[in-house]
Amino acid sequence: GGQDGTQQPAELELEKVVLPQEDGFVKAFDVGDKEGLLAFFEEYGFVVVRGAISEEQTERSVAEVWDMVEEQSVHRVDRADPGTWANGWPIGGVGVVGMSSCVGPAAWENRQSPVIDELFRLLLQTEDMVASVDRYGFMRPTRSVPVAKNSSETEDRPEWRGPASWLHWDLNPWDWTTGDTAADGDSLHDWATPDLSDKPFIIEGNATRRAEVALKLQGVLALADSGEDDGGFLCVPRFHKYLEQWCEYNKRNGSKSFVPLPPGNEYLKDHACKITMRKGSFCVWRSELLHCNYSNASPNFRICQYIKYMPASTVRAPKHRAEAVRRRLPKDFVVSPVGQRVFGLNLLEADDAAVLPDKSEVE
């Protein structure tokens, strides 16, 4: 036990994982290599798929992230001038952009990527899915940053790094393994009130029960190369195989669906692996994996977009959700057939400008 009489939880006996690498990045698959990617996913609880979006689409996305950053900083930040990246930087230490979803055309285009759709169809075994409306991630370089526009003088900015590790789950491990519902019930947001905040979209699916879905997945799209030092996605591979045992060793800690790694589990940090990815690649992981992002210790930006697909069966009042999505689509945005399906727009009639609650939906 600890000094204060608290019982130290028992430790899991984990093997050290060495992930297969290719050209300095974690091994990635073509989405067509079903056998290879499913075997990898089964083993490690995550998988990286290459070429989820094109090079041009990556560039459009990066420009859109900068647009958001400049706008949210009330134009104190200028992408072309590193001298402006210190004051008024609108993003907190863990690098998630704002409390609002990203709703520019590039973000929506990425959500309807045929490759991402195919990957989730393969894993969830259904095409009846909805795409999340989540946020961008952006981390500043922290080494050899130019001090001003066109300056050859550089400086290190260790204070821009953010936390080294904040391993967490976006599900409640105890509820998930026993099949109970998380108390914050965010999956029960029924969309019937035209909620203008994006919070329901951002936490969507976190409290989904195991009875509703066999697999709860999350994902991140790399919009820049994410190497060992650039900041990126970090997780404990294979943890889906140990979660139940871990819950037996650790006393329940609240019933929220965002759970930081509790004290007494520091040893698990040694089992976390950096999931290095090339730009344009997409990583999907099971929500049972402890994860977080790792901080940036390089001269490069870390840029990404969080995207996950969920089975449509987990959405209450799907028409209202589709309406909330439609209100966020940019004018003149071209929705593809994949988008029609994963944004839920095929539930709306063309003239359905205001969807009235359907008796069957409002329980």
Foldseek 3Di string as FASTA:
>chain_A
DDPVPDDQFDDDDDDFDDAPDDPQFGDAAALVPLVVQVVVCVQWQKHKHFQLDDLVLLVVVVVLVVVLQCVQLVNQDDPQWLLSCPPSRQADQQFWHDQAFRQDLSLLVSQLRPSQLSNVCSVQVHSQKAKFRATKGKAAAFAQAANTHPHNHGHGHVVRWHDQDFWKFLFQLVCQVVQHFQVVPLLPPQLQPVDPGCNSRHSHPLRDTCVQGVFDKKKKAWSAFFGPAAKFKKWQTPLVVVSVVVPVRDDRDHRHSIGTDDPSHVVSVSRIDGRTDHHSMMMMGTSSITIGMGTHHHNDMTIMHMMDMGRNSSHANLVSQLLSSVVSHDPPRDQDPSNCNNSVVVVADPPPNDPHDDVVRPD
